[in-house]
Amino acid sequence: MALCVALQPDGTLVPTGQAVDACTGYVLVSSSEHAVYGLINQAFAVPTPEQAAGWFVGTFGFVVTMYLVARMTGAVANFFH
């Protein structure tokens, strides 16, 4: 659970009692919360140009491959029609 704290002049942290969304000091989070924030940042990160190109080429290649398979299957089916 996150906790709002203030930094004292002697370097210690003191809880302020404020809600986390209205905190004017620092917010301390647990290690599990920090791990979740890291996963969310990775999931919604902007892809690199190489990743974006790979997604485009992979998707385009899949669509073209499925089209060619369907076209060949249709040609074989029409042969027996």
C-alpha atoms as a PDB file:
ATOM      1  CA  MET A   1       0.000   0.000   0.000  1.00  0.00           C
ATOM      2  CA  ALA A   2       1.357   3.409  -0.965  1.00  0.00           C
ATOM      3  CA  LEU A   3       2.150   5.948   1.724  1.00  0.00           C
ATOM      4  CA  CYS A   4       2.596   9.714   1.482  1.00  0.00           C
ATOM      5  CA  VAL A   5       5.715  10.909   3.319  1.00  0.00           C
ATOM      6  CA  ALA A   6       7.649  14.147   3.744  1.00  0.00           C
ATOM      7  CA  LEU A   7      11.413  14.511   3.875  1.00  0.00           C
ATOM      8  CA  GLN A   8      12.620  16.175   7.070  1.00  0.00           C
ATOM      9  CA  PRO A   9      15.717  18.426   7.180  1.00  0.00           C
ATOM     10  CA  ASP A  10      17.640  15.725   9.054  1.00  0.00           C
ATOM     11  CA  GLY A  11      17.000  13.257   6.201  1.00  0.00           C
ATOM     12  CA  THR A  12      14.276  11.154   7.792  1.00  0.00           C
ATOM     13  CA  LEU A  13      10.919  10.376   6.225  1.00  0.00           C
ATOM     14  CA  VAL A  14       7.758  11.162   8.177  1.00  0.00           C
ATOM     15  CA  PRO A  15       4.256  10.020   7.132  1.00  0.00           C
ATOM     16  CA  THR A  16       2.048  13.029   6.341  1.00  0.00           C
ATOM     17  CA  GLY A  17      -1.333  11.310   6.544  1.00  0.00           C
ATOM     18  CA  GLN A  18      -2.382  12.774   3.182  1.00  0.00           C
ATOM     19  CA  ALA A  19      -4.104  10.682   0.562  1.00  0.00           C
ATOM     20  CA  VAL A  20      -1.722   9.388  -2.111  1.00  0.00           C
ATOM     21  CA  ASP A  21      -3.524  11.182  -4.953  1.00  0.00           C
ATOM     22  CA  ALA A  22      -3.190  14.522  -3.094  1.00  0.00           C
ATOM     23  CA  CYS A  23       0.326  13.965  -1.762  1.00  0.00           C
ATOM     24  CA  THR A  24       2.568  17.032  -1.752  1.00  0.00           C
ATOM     25  CA  GLY A  25       5.660  15.123  -0.616  1.00  0.00           C
ATOM     26  CA  TYR A  26       6.936  11.726  -1.726  1.00  0.00           C
ATOM     27  CA  VAL A  27       4.986   8.519  -2.268  1.00  0.00           C
ATOM     28  CA  LEU A  28       6.487   5.269  -1.012  1.00  0.00           C
ATOM     29  CA  VAL A  29       5.275   2.105  -2.732  1.00  0.00           C
ATOM     30  CA  SER A  30       5.814  -1.546  -1.903  1.00  0.00           C
ATOM     31  CA  SER A  31       8.009  -3.755  -4.048  1.00  0.00           C
ATOM     32  CA  SER A  32       4.985  -5.553  -5.523  1.00  0.00           C
ATOM     33  CA  GLU A  33       3.391  -2.231  -6.537  1.00  0.00           C
ATOM     34  CA  HIS A  34       6.665  -1.129  -8.089  1.00  0.00           C
ATOM     35  CA  ALA A  35       6.841  -4.375 -10.087  1.00  0.00           C
ATOM     36  CA  VAL A  36       3.313  -3.827 -11.400  1.00  0.00           C
ATOM     37  CA  TYR A  37       4.198  -0.277 -12.468  1.00  0.00           C
ATOM     38  CA  GLY A  38       7.209  -1.636 -14.327  1.00  0.00           C
ATOM     39  CA  LEU A  39       5.091  -4.213 -16.154  1.00  0.00           C
ATOM     40  CA  ILE A  40       2.541  -1.571 -17.136  1.00  0.00           C
ATOM     41  CA  ASN A  41       5.300   0.679 -18.470  1.00  0.00           C
ATOM     42  CA  GLN A  42       6.695  -2.175 -20.548  1.00  0.00           C
ATOM     43  CA  ALA A  43       3.267  -3.158 -21.885  1.00  0.00           C
ATOM     44  CA  PHE A  44       2.437   0.346 -23.070  1.00  0.00           C
ATOM     45  CA  ALA A  45       5.895   1.393 -24.211  1.00  0.00           C
ATOM     46  CA  VAL A  46       6.292   2.824 -27.698  1.00  0.00           C
ATOM     47  CA  PRO A  47       7.799   0.116 -29.923  1.00  0.00           C
ATOM     48  CA  THR A  48      11.153   0.612 -31.558  1.00  0.00           C
ATOM     49  CA  PRO A  49      11.180   1.079 -35.337  1.00  0.00           C
ATOM     50  CA  GLU A  50      12.510  -2.472 -35.705  1.00  0.00           C
ATOM     51  CA  GLN A  51       9.638  -3.910 -33.657  1.00  0.00           C
ATOM     52  CA  ALA A  52       7.038  -1.906 -35.583  1.00  0.00           C
ATOM     53  CA  ALA A  53       8.514  -3.024 -38.906  1.00  0.00           C
ATOM     54  CA  GLY A  54       8.541  -6.631 -37.710  1.00  0.00           C
ATOM     55  CA  TRP A  55       4.869  -6.458 -36.684  1.00  0.00           C
ATOM     56  CA  PHE A  56       3.939  -4.926 -40.048  1.00  0.00           C
ATOM     57  CA  VAL A  57       5.922  -7.423 -42.119  1.00  0.00           C
ATOM     58  CA  GLY A  58       4.722 -10.372 -40.024  1.00  0.00           C
ATOM     59  CA  THR A  59       1.064  -9.368 -40.310  1.00  0.00           C
ATOM     60  CA  PHE A  60       1.340  -8.546 -43.997  1.00  0.00           C
ATOM     61  CA  GLY A  61       3.139 -11.832 -44.654  1.00  0.00           C
ATOM     62  CA  PHE A  62       0.438 -13.777 -42.792  1.00  0.00           C
ATOM     63  CA  VAL A  63      -2.352 -12.146 -44.814  1.00  0.00           C
ATOM     64  CA  VAL A  64      -0.564 -12.754 -48.122  1.00  0.00           C
ATOM     65  CA  THR A  65       0.175 -16.372 -47.163  1.00  0.00           C
ATOM     66  CA  MET A  66      -3.461 -17.030 -46.244  1.00  0.00           C
ATOM     67  CA  TYR A  67      -4.575 -15.438 -49.536  1.00  0.00           C
ATOM     68  CA  LEU A  68      -2.237 -17.655 -51.554  1.00  0.00           C
ATOM     69  CA  VAL A  69      -3.305 -20.800 -49.679  1.00  0.00           C
ATOM     70  CA  ALA A  70      -6.966 -19.953 -50.269  1.00  0.00           C
ATOM     71  CA  ARG A  71      -6.282 -19.205 -53.933  1.00  0.00           C
ATOM     72  CA  MET A  72      -4.511 -22.550 -54.443  1.00  0.00           C
ATOM     73  CA  THR A  73      -7.201 -24.415 -52.540  1.00  0.00           C
ATOM     74  CA  GLY A  74      -9.836 -22.759 -54.712  1.00  0.00           C
ATOM     75  CA  ALA A  75      -7.954 -23.704 -57.869  1.00  0.00           C
ATOM     76  CA  VAL A  76      -7.768 -27.351 -56.790  1.00  0.00           C
ATOM     77  CA  ALA A  77     -11.454 -27.331 -55.796  1.00  0.00           C
ATOM     78  CA  ASN A  78     -12.443 -25.827 -59.167  1.00  0.00           C
ATOM     79  CA  PHE A  79     -10.467 -28.521 -60.954  1.00  0.00           C
ATOM     80  CA  PHE A  80     -12.832 -31.162 -59.536  1.00  0.00           C
ATOM     81  CA  HIS A  81     -15.968 -29.041 -60.005  1.00  0.00           C
END
